[in-house]
Amino acid sequence: MLDDYVTLGTSGLRVSRMALGSFNFGGGRDWELTPEESHAIIDKYLALGGNFIDSANIYGAGEAEAIIGDHFASPSARDAVVIATKFTSHPGTGDPNAGGAHRKSIMRACEASLRQLKTDYIDLYWMHLWDKATPIEETLRALDDLVAQGKILHIGFSNVPAWKMAEAHMLARFRGFSPVVALQLQYSLLERNIEAELVPMAKEYGIAICPWSPLKSGALTGRFNRETIDAATGERATLARRGLDERGFAIVDALVAIAGARGLKPAQVALTWLRGQPGVASIVLGADSVAELEVNAAAGLIELDAEARAMLDEVSRPVFRYPIDFVNRGAGAIHGGTRINGVGGTGT
C-alpha cells in the first residue's frame, strides 16, 4: 500500500510517497501516544511498505526520537528505513544558544539526536524553522560539515520563506555546499498559500515538497461540523478550529460530498488531492491509532476523477496577493493572447 517510492528532490534517496510523522509519539500529554502505541503504529507502517520516518528533537520532549531509536536499534532494521529528524527548536529555557540554526546549536543538536536515535547517521536533517538571527551561510556550512563527517546524509529545510530558500539554494551552489533537497511545509486543502511562491521556486530548483499537517489537525477528516466545532474540546479541536471558518466548512462540505459519492473517507479524498499536487513528493502522515493509519494510508491507492479534483481545486482556491496576482493577471500582455506552457492569455 505504501511501497510506492520516489527519489527525494535532486538526491537519489528513495522514500515512500507517505512518510510516518512522530509528532504525537511520547511526551505524556493526553493526545500523545505511549511508547507501546507508537511502536504498534511503526510496525503497521512498515508492514504497509513504508520506509520514511519523520521526527524532531522536540517531539514528545525528545521521547519521540528515543522511541524510534529503540524500534530500529539493530543495524539491519536501521539501514532498511529512512530516518529524518529536525534541529532549531529546543525544549529548554535560559540558554540563548540551545536552539537556533547556528553552528554551536546545530552540532549539539545533531549529536543529541544521534544518541536518542541510537544511530551513527541521520538520513535527512531538517532545519525546523528559519532562524532570522543566523546568517544562512553559517547554517549551510555547518550542515555541509556534518555531511562530510557522515553524520547526516541529506539536508532539508522547513517553514522558511521562498526568498530565503532561494538564497540558500544559490549560495550552496556557489560555495559547493551540500544542497537542500527537500522542503517540509504546511500544505493542505485548507492551507494552499505555499502555491504562490514556494511551490514554483521548489519546482524550478528540483526541491521536493513534503507536506506536514495534510489534514489540518483533523479538520479535513469530517469529524467536525458547524454544529459540533464550538463545543469540541482538546488541543486537536483547538488547532482544527483555526481553519474552520465559513470557507473552511465549504471545503469540508465538498470533501464529505465527494467521499460519500465514491465510498471513501473525507481524509482519504483530502490526501489523494494533495498527493497529486505539483511538486509534492512525500506526505507526512500522523496517526492516533493503527486503524487511523490504515485508513489514511489507503489514499495511496486512490485516484480522483477530474470532476472531483476540479471541485476541490475551486472550493479551496487561494487568493494570492501582489505581486503574484498582478503577474498572473498581466500574462496577456506577455503572451499576446496565445497559450504558453498551458497558460492562456488571461493568465488562468
C-alpha atoms as a PDB file:
ATOM      1  CA  MET A   1       0.000   0.000   0.000  1.00  0.00           C
ATOM      2  CA  LEU A   2       2.896   2.373   0.802  1.00  0.00           C
ATOM      3  CA  ASP A   3       5.527   0.688  -1.354  1.00  0.00           C
ATOM      4  CA  ASP A   4       5.351   3.457  -3.966  1.00  0.00           C
ATOM      5  CA  TYR A   5       8.698   5.193  -3.739  1.00  0.00           C
ATOM      6  CA  VAL A   6      10.110   8.396  -5.225  1.00  0.00           C
ATOM      7  CA  THR A   7      13.559   9.911  -5.263  1.00  0.00           C
ATOM      8  CA  LEU A   8      13.705  12.894  -2.934  1.00  0.00           C
ATOM      9  CA  GLY A   9      14.342  16.065  -4.897  1.00  0.00           C
ATOM     10  CA  THR A  10      17.685  16.063  -6.689  1.00  0.00           C
ATOM     11  CA  SER A  11      19.010  13.270  -4.454  1.00  0.00           C
ATOM     12  CA  GLY A  12      18.929   9.565  -5.177  1.00  0.00           C
ATOM     13  CA  LEU A  13      17.311   8.781  -1.816  1.00  0.00           C
ATOM     14  CA  ARG A  14      14.218   6.594  -2.252  1.00  0.00           C
ATOM     15  CA  VAL A  15      11.336   7.393   0.079  1.00  0.00           C
ATOM     16  CA  SER A  16       7.692   6.357   0.365  1.00  0.00           C
ATOM     17  CA  ARG A  17       5.068   8.734  -1.027  1.00  0.00           C
ATOM     18  CA  MET A  18       3.710   8.842   2.520  1.00  0.00           C
ATOM     19  CA  ALA A  19       6.039   9.316   5.484  1.00  0.00           C
ATOM     20  CA  LEU A  20       5.152   8.451   9.079  1.00  0.00           C
ATOM     21  CA  GLY A  21       5.230  11.507  11.331  1.00  0.00           C
ATOM     22  CA  SER A  22       6.047  11.101  15.021  1.00  0.00           C
ATOM     23  CA  PHE A  23       4.726  14.413  16.351  1.00  0.00           C
ATOM     24  CA  ASN A  24       2.472  12.547  18.798  1.00  0.00           C
ATOM     25  CA  PHE A  25       5.000   9.900  19.933  1.00  0.00           C
ATOM     26  CA  GLY A  26       5.755  10.035  23.672  1.00  0.00           C
ATOM     27  CA  GLY A  27       5.586  13.091  25.888  1.00  0.00           C
ATOM     28  CA  GLY A  28       2.802  12.025  28.212  1.00  0.00           C
ATOM     29  CA  ARG A  29       0.161  14.601  27.276  1.00  0.00           C
ATOM     30  CA  ASP A  30      -3.398  13.384  26.779  1.00  0.00           C
ATOM     31  CA  TRP A  31      -3.188  13.486  22.971  1.00  0.00           C
ATOM     32  CA  GLU A  32       0.259  11.860  22.790  1.00  0.00           C
ATOM     33  CA  LEU A  33       0.883   8.130  22.404  1.00  0.00           C
ATOM     34  CA  THR A  34       2.641   5.779  24.769  1.00  0.00           C
ATOM     35  CA  PRO A  35       5.800   4.025  23.569  1.00  0.00           C
ATOM     36  CA  GLU A  36       3.792   0.809  23.104  1.00  0.00           C
ATOM     37  CA  GLU A  37       1.154   2.548  20.966  1.00  0.00           C
ATOM     38  CA  SER A  38       3.890   4.276  18.969  1.00  0.00           C
ATOM     39  CA  HIS A  39       5.713   1.002  18.287  1.00  0.00           C
ATOM     40  CA  ALA A  40       2.469  -0.586  17.082  1.00  0.00           C
ATOM     41  CA  ILE A  41       1.935   2.257  14.597  1.00  0.00           C
ATOM     42  CA  ILE A  42       5.526   1.976  13.350  1.00  0.00           C
ATOM     43  CA  ASP A  43       5.055  -1.787  12.878  1.00  0.00           C
ATOM     44  CA  LYS A  44       1.891  -1.243  10.852  1.00  0.00           C
ATOM     45  CA  TYR A  45       3.535   1.474   8.733  1.00  0.00           C
ATOM     46  CA  LEU A  46       6.421  -0.855   7.891  1.00  0.00           C
ATOM     47  CA  ALA A  47       4.027  -3.727   7.160  1.00  0.00           C
ATOM     48  CA  LEU A  48       2.217  -1.492   4.671  1.00  0.00           C
ATOM     49  CA  GLY A  49       5.509  -0.939   2.829  1.00  0.00           C
ATOM     50  CA  GLY A  50       6.523   2.463   4.217  1.00  0.00           C
ATOM     51  CA  ASN A  51      10.173   3.327   4.753  1.00  0.00           C
ATOM     52  CA  PHE A  52      10.258   7.052   5.691  1.00  0.00           C
ATOM     53  CA  ILE A  53      10.071   8.000   9.409  1.00  0.00           C
ATOM     54  CA  ASP A  54       9.950  11.706  10.299  1.00  0.00           C
ATOM     55  CA  SER A  55      10.734  13.168  13.710  1.00  0.00           C
ATOM     56  CA  ALA A  56      12.176  16.199  15.503  1.00  0.00           C
ATOM     57  CA  ASN A  57      14.330  16.732  18.561  1.00  0.00           C
ATOM     58  CA  ILE A  58      11.432  18.386  20.421  1.00  0.00           C
ATOM     59  CA  TYR A  59       8.632  15.892  19.645  1.00  0.00           C
ATOM     60  CA  GLY A  60       7.452  14.384  22.902  1.00  0.00           C
ATOM     61  CA  ALA A  61      10.121  16.496  24.648  1.00  0.00           C
ATOM     62  CA  GLY A  62      12.690  14.258  22.967  1.00  0.00           C
ATOM     63  CA  GLU A  63      10.924  10.968  23.641  1.00  0.00           C
ATOM     64  CA  ALA A  64       9.798  10.533  20.020  1.00  0.00           C
ATOM     65  CA  GLU A  65      13.406  10.162  18.855  1.00  0.00           C
ATOM     66  CA  ALA A  66      14.070   7.688  21.674  1.00  0.00           C
ATOM     67  CA  ILE A  67      11.062   5.582  20.671  1.00  0.00           C
ATOM     68  CA  ILE A  68      12.252   5.481  17.062  1.00  0.00           C
ATOM     69  CA  GLY A  69      15.771   4.659  18.215  1.00  0.00           C
ATOM     70  CA  ASP A  70      14.522   1.732  20.282  1.00  0.00           C
ATOM     71  CA  HIS A  71      12.471   0.422  17.377  1.00  0.00           C
ATOM     72  CA  PHE A  72      15.378   0.408  14.940  1.00  0.00           C
ATOM     73  CA  ALA A  73      18.144  -0.473  17.378  1.00  0.00           C
ATOM     74  CA  SER A  74      19.578  -3.301  15.277  1.00  0.00           C
ATOM     75  CA  PRO A  75      21.787  -2.259  12.326  1.00  0.00           C
ATOM     76  CA  SER A  76      19.755  -4.275   9.822  1.00  0.00           C
ATOM     77  CA  ALA A  77      16.488  -2.662  10.920  1.00  0.00           C
ATOM     78  CA  ARG A  78      18.056   0.790  10.931  1.00  0.00           C
ATOM     79  CA  ASP A  79      19.542   0.559   7.449  1.00  0.00           C
ATOM     80  CA  ALA A  80      16.215  -0.551   5.924  1.00  0.00           C
ATOM     81  CA  VAL A  81      14.496   2.766   6.730  1.00  0.00           C
ATOM     82  CA  VAL A  82      14.990   6.452   6.025  1.00  0.00           C
ATOM     83  CA  ILE A  83      15.022   8.421   9.277  1.00  0.00           C
ATOM     84  CA  ALA A  84      14.584  12.190   9.273  1.00  0.00           C
ATOM     85  CA  THR A  85      14.730  14.499  12.256  1.00  0.00           C
ATOM     86  CA  LYS A  86      14.951  18.241  12.895  1.00  0.00           C
ATOM     87  CA  PHE A  87      17.041  20.838  14.695  1.00  0.00           C
ATOM     88  CA  THR A  88      16.484  24.538  15.573  1.00  0.00           C
ATOM     89  CA  SER A  89      13.922  24.280  18.372  1.00  0.00           C
ATOM     90  CA  HIS A  90      14.872  23.308  21.913  1.00  0.00           C
ATOM     91  CA  PRO A  91      12.608  22.378  24.847  1.00  0.00           C
ATOM     92  CA  GLY A  92      14.774  24.096  27.465  1.00  0.00           C
ATOM     93  CA  THR A  93      14.935  27.751  28.544  1.00  0.00           C
ATOM     94  CA  GLY A  94      17.583  30.153  29.719  1.00  0.00           C
ATOM     95  CA  ASP A  95      20.329  29.267  27.228  1.00  0.00           C
ATOM     96  CA  PRO A  96      20.327  31.550  24.161  1.00  0.00           C
ATOM     97  CA  ASN A  97      22.491  29.067  22.254  1.00  0.00           C
ATOM     98  CA  ALA A  98      20.370  25.981  22.991  1.00  0.00           C
ATOM     99  CA  GLY A  99      18.275  26.412  19.858  1.00  0.00           C
ATOM    100  CA  GLY A 100      18.682  28.090  16.509  1.00  0.00           C
ATOM    101  CA  ALA A 101      20.396  27.335  13.221  1.00  0.00           C
ATOM    102  CA  HIS A 102      23.893  28.489  14.148  1.00  0.00           C
ATOM    103  CA  ARG A 103      26.929  26.188  14.273  1.00  0.00           C
ATOM    104  CA  LYS A 104      27.013  25.618  18.044  1.00  0.00           C
ATOM    105  CA  SER A 105      23.329  24.719  18.184  1.00  0.00           C
ATOM    106  CA  ILE A 106      23.437  22.506  15.087  1.00  0.00           C
ATOM    107  CA  MET A 107      26.421  20.479  16.276  1.00  0.00           C
ATOM    108  CA  ARG A 108      24.976  19.974  19.749  1.00  0.00           C
ATOM    109  CA  ALA A 109      21.523  19.098  18.410  1.00  0.00           C
ATOM    110  CA  CYS A 110      22.886  16.597  15.898  1.00  0.00           C
ATOM    111  CA  GLU A 111      24.953  14.751  18.499  1.00  0.00           C
ATOM    112  CA  ALA A 112      21.967  14.641  20.856  1.00  0.00           C
ATOM    113  CA  SER A 113      19.671  13.288  18.137  1.00  0.00           C
ATOM    114  CA  LEU A 114      22.199  10.635  17.147  1.00  0.00           C
ATOM    115  CA  ARG A 115      22.262   9.448  20.769  1.00  0.00           C
ATOM    116  CA  GLN A 116      18.474   9.491  21.066  1.00  0.00           C
ATOM    117  CA  LEU A 117      18.009   7.671  17.754  1.00  0.00           C
ATOM    118  CA  LYS A 118      20.738   5.150  18.622  1.00  0.00           C
ATOM    119  CA  THR A 119      22.299   5.543  15.214  1.00  0.00           C
ATOM    120  CA  ASP A 120      25.514   6.902  13.751  1.00  0.00           C
ATOM    121  CA  TYR A 121      23.833   8.731  10.867  1.00  0.00           C
ATOM    122  CA  ILE A 122      20.646  10.641  10.036  1.00  0.00           C
ATOM    123  CA  ASP A 123      19.303  10.213   6.507  1.00  0.00           C
ATOM    124  CA  LEU A 124      17.645  13.625   6.259  1.00  0.00           C
ATOM    125  CA  TYR A 125      18.300  16.507   8.669  1.00  0.00           C
ATOM    126  CA  TRP A 126      15.692  19.287   8.603  1.00  0.00           C
ATOM    127  CA  MET A 127      16.097  22.879   9.729  1.00  0.00           C
ATOM    128  CA  HIS A 128      12.809  23.043  11.633  1.00  0.00           C
ATOM    129  CA  LEU A 129      12.216  26.738  11.036  1.00  0.00           C
ATOM    130  CA  TRP A 130      14.131  29.718   9.741  1.00  0.00           C
ATOM    131  CA  ASP A 131      16.406  31.338  12.315  1.00  0.00           C
ATOM    132  CA  LYS A 132      16.412  35.052  11.443  1.00  0.00           C
ATOM    133  CA  ALA A 133      19.341  35.745  13.782  1.00  0.00           C
ATOM    134  CA  THR A 134      21.789  33.416  11.998  1.00  0.00           C
ATOM    135  CA  PRO A 135      23.343  34.024   8.557  1.00  0.00           C
ATOM    136  CA  ILE A 136      22.163  31.272   6.223  1.00  0.00           C
ATOM    137  CA  GLU A 137      25.766  30.689   5.089  1.00  0.00           C
ATOM    138  CA  GLU A 138      26.702  29.644   8.631  1.00  0.00           C
ATOM    139  CA  THR A 139      23.816  27.179   8.689  1.00  0.00           C
ATOM    140  CA  LEU A 140      24.735  25.686   5.324  1.00  0.00           C
ATOM    141  CA  ARG A 141      28.444  25.411   6.180  1.00  0.00           C
ATOM    142  CA  ALA A 142      27.723  23.632   9.462  1.00  0.00           C
ATOM    143  CA  LEU A 143      25.354  21.197   7.740  1.00  0.00           C
ATOM    144  CA  ASP A 144      27.876  20.602   4.957  1.00  0.00           C
ATOM    145  CA  ASP A 145      30.471  19.717   7.591  1.00  0.00           C
ATOM    146  CA  LEU A 146      28.067  17.161   9.093  1.00  0.00           C
ATOM    147  CA  VAL A 147      27.561  15.636   5.646  1.00  0.00           C
ATOM    148  CA  ALA A 148      31.338  15.420   5.187  1.00  0.00           C
ATOM    149  CA  GLN A 149      31.591  13.688   8.570  1.00  0.00           C
ATOM    150  CA  GLY A 150      28.921  11.156   7.555  1.00  0.00           C
ATOM    151  CA  LYS A 151      26.654  12.127  10.447  1.00  0.00           C
ATOM    152  CA  ILE A 152      23.896  13.312   8.118  1.00  0.00           C
ATOM    153  CA  LEU A 153      23.326  12.280   4.513  1.00  0.00           C
ATOM    154  CA  HIS A 154      20.924  14.893   3.147  1.00  0.00           C
ATOM    155  CA  ILE A 155      19.676  18.351   4.120  1.00  0.00           C
ATOM    156  CA  GLY A 156      16.120  19.695   4.246  1.00  0.00           C
ATOM    157  CA  PHE A 157      14.515  22.985   5.296  1.00  0.00           C
ATOM    158  CA  SER A 158      11.090  23.535   6.861  1.00  0.00           C
ATOM    159  CA  ASN A 159       8.964  26.609   7.490  1.00  0.00           C
ATOM    160  CA  VAL A 160      11.103  29.028   5.514  1.00  0.00           C
ATOM    161  CA  PRO A 161      10.102  31.821   3.096  1.00  0.00           C
ATOM    162  CA  ALA A 162      10.752  31.325  -0.595  1.00  0.00           C
ATOM    163  CA  TRP A 163      13.279  34.164  -0.872  1.00  0.00           C
ATOM    164  CA  LYS A 164      15.441  32.714   1.904  1.00  0.00           C
ATOM    165  CA  MET A 165      15.263  29.230   0.409  1.00  0.00           C
ATOM    166  CA  ALA A 166      16.260  30.642  -2.980  1.00  0.00           C
ATOM    167  CA  GLU A 167      19.207  32.427  -1.342  1.00  0.00           C
ATOM    168  CA  ALA A 168      20.261  29.203   0.372  1.00  0.00           C
ATOM    169  CA  HIS A 169      19.991  27.227  -2.852  1.00  0.00           C
ATOM    170  CA  MET A 170      22.143  29.604  -4.866  1.00  0.00           C
ATOM    171  CA  LEU A 171      24.654  30.037  -2.037  1.00  0.00           C
ATOM    172  CA  ALA A 172      25.056  26.262  -1.751  1.00  0.00           C
ATOM    173  CA  ARG A 173      25.710  26.052  -5.490  1.00  0.00           C
ATOM    174  CA  PHE A 174      28.181  28.951  -5.389  1.00  0.00           C
ATOM    175  CA  ARG A 175      30.090  27.638  -2.356  1.00  0.00           C
ATOM    176  CA  GLY A 176      29.903  23.967  -3.294  1.00  0.00           C
ATOM    177  CA  PHE A 177      27.955  23.078  -0.141  1.00  0.00           C
ATOM    178  CA  SER A 178      25.624  20.077   0.047  1.00  0.00           C
ATOM    179  CA  PRO A 179      22.269  21.168  -1.417  1.00  0.00           C
ATOM    180  CA  VAL A 180      18.902  21.402   0.280  1.00  0.00           C
ATOM    181  CA  VAL A 181      16.977  18.558  -1.366  1.00  0.00           C
ATOM    182  CA  ALA A 182      13.556  18.881   0.308  1.00  0.00           C
ATOM    183  CA  LEU A 183      11.175  21.341   1.917  1.00  0.00           C
ATOM    184  CA  GLN A 184       8.740  20.320   4.655  1.00  0.00           C
ATOM    185  CA  LEU A 185       5.864  22.809   4.507  1.00  0.00           C
ATOM    186  CA  GLN A 186       2.325  23.065   5.811  1.00  0.00           C
ATOM    187  CA  TYR A 187       0.097  22.182   2.857  1.00  0.00           C
ATOM    188  CA  SER A 188      -3.491  21.005   2.582  1.00  0.00           C
ATOM    189  CA  LEU A 189      -6.839  21.954   1.085  1.00  0.00           C
ATOM    190  CA  LEU A 190      -7.141  24.421   3.962  1.00  0.00           C
ATOM    191  CA  GLU A 191      -3.615  25.816   3.586  1.00  0.00           C
ATOM    192  CA  ARG A 192      -2.521  26.496  -0.002  1.00  0.00           C
ATOM    193  CA  ASN A 193      -0.501  29.683   0.454  1.00  0.00           C
ATOM    194  CA  ILE A 194       2.754  27.934  -0.497  1.00  0.00           C
ATOM    195  CA  GLU A 195       1.467  27.745  -4.082  1.00  0.00           C
ATOM    196  CA  ALA A 196       2.155  31.472  -4.531  1.00  0.00           C
ATOM    197  CA  GLU A 197       5.954  31.351  -4.351  1.00  0.00           C
ATOM    198  CA  LEU A 198       7.332  28.299  -2.542  1.00  0.00           C
ATOM    199  CA  VAL A 199       5.929  25.689  -4.938  1.00  0.00           C
ATOM    200  CA  PRO A 200       7.138  27.426  -8.130  1.00  0.00           C
ATOM    201  CA  MET A 201      10.546  28.001  -6.532  1.00  0.00           C
ATOM    202  CA  ALA A 202      10.845  24.359  -5.450  1.00  0.00           C
ATOM    203  CA  LYS A 203       9.866  23.111  -8.919  1.00  0.00           C
ATOM    204  CA  GLU A 204      12.408  25.448 -10.559  1.00  0.00           C
ATOM    205  CA  TYR A 205      15.255  24.140  -8.383  1.00  0.00           C
ATOM    206  CA  GLY A 206      14.182  20.487  -8.195  1.00  0.00           C
ATOM    207  CA  ILE A 207      13.486  20.595  -4.449  1.00  0.00           C
ATOM    208  CA  ALA A 208      10.973  18.051  -3.159  1.00  0.00           C
ATOM    209  CA  ILE A 209       7.948  19.201  -1.135  1.00  0.00           C
ATOM    210  CA  CYS A 210       6.916  17.119   1.881  1.00  0.00           C
ATOM    211  CA  PRO A 211       3.632  18.480   3.283  1.00  0.00           C
ATOM    212  CA  TRP A 212       3.010  18.492   7.017  1.00  0.00           C
ATOM    213  CA  SER A 213      -0.460  18.774   8.597  1.00  0.00           C
ATOM    214  CA  PRO A 214      -2.081  17.422   5.409  1.00  0.00           C
ATOM    215  CA  LEU A 215      -5.405  17.072   7.248  1.00  0.00           C
ATOM    216  CA  LYS A 216      -5.083  20.378   9.102  1.00  0.00           C
ATOM    217  CA  SER A 217      -5.104  18.855  12.596  1.00  0.00           C
ATOM    218  CA  GLY A 218      -8.138  16.700  11.789  1.00  0.00           C
ATOM    219  CA  ALA A 219     -10.222  19.497  10.271  1.00  0.00           C
ATOM    220  CA  LEU A 220     -10.287  17.628   6.928  1.00  0.00           C
ATOM    221  CA  THR A 221     -11.416  14.303   8.376  1.00  0.00           C
ATOM    222  CA  GLY A 222     -15.055  15.359   8.545  1.00  0.00           C
ATOM    223  CA  ARG A 223     -15.190  14.800  12.295  1.00  0.00           C
ATOM    224  CA  PHE A 224     -16.071  18.459  12.952  1.00  0.00           C
ATOM    225  CA  ASN A 225     -19.068  20.334  11.575  1.00  0.00           C
ATOM    226  CA  ARG A 226     -20.724  23.702  12.144  1.00  0.00           C
ATOM    227  CA  GLU A 227     -22.846  22.306  14.960  1.00  0.00           C
ATOM    228  CA  THR A 228     -20.094  20.496  16.890  1.00  0.00           C
ATOM    229  CA  ILE A 229     -16.927  22.541  16.409  1.00  0.00           C
ATOM    230  CA  ASP A 230     -17.634  25.156  19.097  1.00  0.00           C
ATOM    231  CA  ALA A 231     -18.278  22.521  21.765  1.00  0.00           C
ATOM    232  CA  ALA A 232     -15.318  20.318  20.783  1.00  0.00           C
ATOM    233  CA  THR A 233     -12.536  20.155  23.363  1.00  0.00           C
ATOM    234  CA  GLY A 234      -8.875  19.193  23.365  1.00  0.00           C
ATOM    235  CA  GLU A 235      -5.787  20.504  21.598  1.00  0.00           C
ATOM    236  CA  ARG A 236      -6.704  18.906  18.271  1.00  0.00           C
ATOM    237  CA  ALA A 237     -10.065  20.648  18.264  1.00  0.00           C
ATOM    238  CA  THR A 238      -8.387  23.945  19.123  1.00  0.00           C
ATOM    239  CA  LEU A 239      -5.999  23.575  16.192  1.00  0.00           C
ATOM    240  CA  ALA A 240      -8.722  22.420  13.799  1.00  0.00           C
ATOM    241  CA  ARG A 241     -10.933  25.338  14.762  1.00  0.00           C
ATOM    242  CA  ARG A 242      -8.370  27.773  13.300  1.00  0.00           C
ATOM    243  CA  GLY A 243      -9.107  26.583   9.777  1.00  0.00           C
ATOM    244  CA  LEU A 244     -12.836  26.098  10.045  1.00  0.00           C
ATOM    245  CA  ASP A 245     -14.348  29.442   9.149  1.00  0.00           C
ATOM    246  CA  GLU A 246     -17.120  29.551   6.531  1.00  0.00           C
ATOM    247  CA  ARG A 247     -14.622  28.959   3.720  1.00  0.00           C
ATOM    248  CA  GLY A 248     -13.163  26.021   5.631  1.00  0.00           C
ATOM    249  CA  PHE A 249     -16.546  24.430   6.166  1.00  0.00           C
ATOM    250  CA  ALA A 250     -17.332  24.850   2.460  1.00  0.00           C
ATOM    251  CA  ILE A 251     -14.193  22.809   1.732  1.00  0.00           C
ATOM    252  CA  VAL A 252     -15.196  20.172   4.285  1.00  0.00           C
ATOM    253  CA  ASP A 253     -18.707  20.024   2.794  1.00  0.00           C
ATOM    254  CA  ALA A 254     -17.209  19.341  -0.636  1.00  0.00           C
ATOM    255  CA  LEU A 255     -14.924  16.666   0.813  1.00  0.00           C
ATOM    256  CA  VAL A 256     -17.793  14.911   2.571  1.00  0.00           C
ATOM    257  CA  ALA A 257     -19.946  15.004  -0.575  1.00  0.00           C
ATOM    258  CA  ILE A 258     -17.176  13.669  -2.825  1.00  0.00           C
ATOM    259  CA  ALA A 259     -16.219  10.975  -0.333  1.00  0.00           C
ATOM    260  CA  GLY A 260     -19.808   9.856   0.213  1.00  0.00           C
ATOM    261  CA  ALA A 261     -20.493   9.566  -3.509  1.00  0.00           C
ATOM    262  CA  ARG A 262     -17.395   7.412  -4.023  1.00  0.00           C
ATOM    263  CA  GLY A 263     -17.441   5.241  -0.911  1.00  0.00           C
ATOM    264  CA  LEU A 264     -14.363   6.900   0.576  1.00  0.00           C
ATOM    265  CA  LYS A 265     -13.434   8.718   3.766  1.00  0.00           C
ATOM    266  CA  PRO A 266     -13.050  12.524   3.643  1.00  0.00           C
ATOM    267  CA  ALA A 267      -9.456  12.186   4.869  1.00  0.00           C
ATOM    268  CA  GLN A 268      -8.661   9.826   2.001  1.00  0.00           C
ATOM    269  CA  VAL A 269     -10.022  12.312  -0.524  1.00  0.00           C
ATOM    270  CA  ALA A 270      -8.028  15.174   1.026  1.00  0.00           C
ATOM    271  CA  LEU A 271      -4.800  13.144   0.988  1.00  0.00           C
ATOM    272  CA  THR A 272      -5.355  11.937  -2.575  1.00  0.00           C
ATOM    273  CA  TRP A 273      -5.899  15.511  -3.768  1.00  0.00           C
ATOM    274  CA  LEU A 274      -2.683  16.580  -2.044  1.00  0.00           C
ATOM    275  CA  ARG A 275      -0.678  13.655  -3.425  1.00  0.00           C
ATOM    276  CA  GLY A 276      -1.491  14.860  -6.936  1.00  0.00           C
ATOM    277  CA  GLN A 277      -0.376  18.467  -6.420  1.00  0.00           C
ATOM    278  CA  PRO A 278       2.692  19.642  -8.373  1.00  0.00           C
ATOM    279  CA  GLY A 279       5.985  19.234  -6.548  1.00  0.00           C
ATOM    280  CA  VAL A 280       4.650  17.001  -3.763  1.00  0.00           C
ATOM    281  CA  ALA A 281       6.970  14.072  -3.103  1.00  0.00           C
ATOM    282  CA  SER A 282       6.074  12.572   0.286  1.00  0.00           C
ATOM    283  CA  ILE A 283       3.210  13.493   2.624  1.00  0.00           C
ATOM    284  CA  VAL A 284       3.911  13.364   6.368  1.00  0.00           C
ATOM    285  CA  LEU A 285       1.088  11.331   7.905  1.00  0.00           C
ATOM    286  CA  GLY A 286       0.222  11.425  11.573  1.00  0.00           C
ATOM    287  CA  ALA A 287      -1.933   8.746  13.183  1.00  0.00           C
ATOM    288  CA  ASP A 288      -3.543   8.351  16.594  1.00  0.00           C
ATOM    289  CA  SER A 289      -4.073   4.622  16.093  1.00  0.00           C
ATOM    290  CA  VAL A 290      -3.235   1.705  13.846  1.00  0.00           C
ATOM    291  CA  ALA A 291      -6.758   1.820  12.412  1.00  0.00           C
ATOM    292  CA  GLU A 292      -6.425   5.511  11.522  1.00  0.00           C
ATOM    293  CA  LEU A 293      -3.078   4.854   9.831  1.00  0.00           C
ATOM    294  CA  GLU A 294      -4.624   2.097   7.715  1.00  0.00           C
ATOM    295  CA  VAL A 295      -7.477   4.359   6.590  1.00  0.00           C
ATOM    296  CA  ASN A 296      -5.185   7.240   5.670  1.00  0.00           C
ATOM    297  CA  ALA A 297      -2.531   5.065   4.029  1.00  0.00           C
ATOM    298  CA  ALA A 298      -5.215   3.681   1.708  1.00  0.00           C
ATOM    299  CA  ALA A 299      -5.185   7.068  -0.010  1.00  0.00           C
ATOM    300  CA  GLY A 300      -2.022   5.865  -1.707  1.00  0.00           C
ATOM    301  CA  LEU A 301      -4.158   3.526  -3.828  1.00  0.00           C
ATOM    302  CA  ILE A 302      -6.889   6.032  -4.728  1.00  0.00           C
ATOM    303  CA  GLU A 303      -7.137   8.230  -7.799  1.00  0.00           C
ATOM    304  CA  LEU A 304      -9.543  11.164  -8.012  1.00  0.00           C
ATOM    305  CA  ASP A 305     -11.605  11.710 -11.125  1.00  0.00           C
ATOM    306  CA  ALA A 306     -11.320  15.047 -12.923  1.00  0.00           C
ATOM    307  CA  GLU A 307     -14.691  16.263 -11.662  1.00  0.00           C
ATOM    308  CA  ALA A 308     -13.798  15.707  -8.011  1.00  0.00           C
ATOM    309  CA  ARG A 309     -10.377  17.304  -8.374  1.00  0.00           C
ATOM    310  CA  ALA A 310     -11.851  20.339 -10.168  1.00  0.00           C
ATOM    311  CA  MET A 311     -14.454  20.754  -7.437  1.00  0.00           C
ATOM    312  CA  LEU A 312     -11.804  20.683  -4.702  1.00  0.00           C
ATOM    313  CA  ASP A 313      -9.493  22.992  -6.639  1.00  0.00           C
ATOM    314  CA  GLU A 314     -12.240  25.562  -6.972  1.00  0.00           C
ATOM    315  CA  VAL A 315     -13.673  25.494  -3.461  1.00  0.00           C
ATOM    316  CA  SER A 316     -10.199  25.760  -1.898  1.00  0.00           C
ATOM    317  CA  ARG A 317      -8.644  28.155  -4.409  1.00  0.00           C
ATOM    318  CA  PRO A 318      -6.329  30.556  -2.536  1.00  0.00           C
ATOM    319  CA  VAL A 319      -6.289  34.311  -3.047  1.00  0.00           C
ATOM    320  CA  PHE A 320      -2.775  35.459  -3.898  1.00  0.00           C
ATOM    321  CA  ARG A 321      -1.652  38.997  -3.150  1.00  0.00           C
ATOM    322  CA  TYR A 322       0.625  41.363  -5.013  1.00  0.00           C
ATOM    323  CA  PRO A 323       2.881  40.749  -6.893  1.00  0.00           C
ATOM    324  CA  ILE A 324       1.685  37.226  -7.747  1.00  0.00           C
ATOM    325  CA  ASP A 325      -1.861  38.298  -8.602  1.00  0.00           C
ATOM    326  CA  PHE A 326      -0.535  41.131 -10.796  1.00  0.00           C
ATOM    327  CA  VAL A 327       1.839  38.801 -12.639  1.00  0.00           C
ATOM    328  CA  ASN A 328      -0.959  36.297 -13.271  1.00  0.00           C
ATOM    329  CA  ARG A 329      -3.406  38.923 -14.489  1.00  0.00           C
ATOM    330  CA  GLY A 330      -0.759  40.550 -16.656  1.00  0.00           C
ATOM    331  CA  ALA A 331       0.081  37.387 -18.581  1.00  0.00           C
ATOM    332  CA  GLY A 332      -1.944  38.615 -21.563  1.00  0.00           C
ATOM    333  CA  ALA A 333       0.475  41.477 -22.051  1.00  0.00           C
ATOM    334  CA  ILE A 334       3.286  38.942 -22.422  1.00  0.00           C
ATOM    335  CA  HIS A 335       1.655  36.058 -24.270  1.00  0.00           C
ATOM    336  CA  GLY A 336      -0.132  38.096 -26.928  1.00  0.00           C
ATOM    337  CA  GLY A 337      -3.319  36.074 -26.486  1.00  0.00           C
ATOM    338  CA  THR A 338      -1.570  32.723 -27.029  1.00  0.00           C
ATOM    339  CA  ARG A 339      -1.049  29.838 -24.638  1.00  0.00           C
ATOM    340  CA  ILE A 340       2.451  29.304 -23.211  1.00  0.00           C
ATOM    341  CA  ASN A 341       3.179  26.171 -21.157  1.00  0.00           C
ATOM    342  CA  GLY A 342      -0.545  25.607 -20.771  1.00  0.00           C
ATOM    343  CA  VAL A 343      -1.287  29.132 -19.570  1.00  0.00           C
ATOM    344  CA  GLY A 344      -3.697  31.222 -21.630  1.00  0.00           C
ATOM    345  CA  GLY A 345      -3.615  34.902 -22.420  1.00  0.00           C
ATOM    346  CA  THR A 346      -5.784  35.740 -19.409  1.00  0.00           C
ATOM    347  CA  GLY A 347      -3.296  34.132 -17.055  1.00  0.00           C
ATOM    348  CA  THR A 348      -5.746  31.438 -15.943  1.00  0.00           C
END
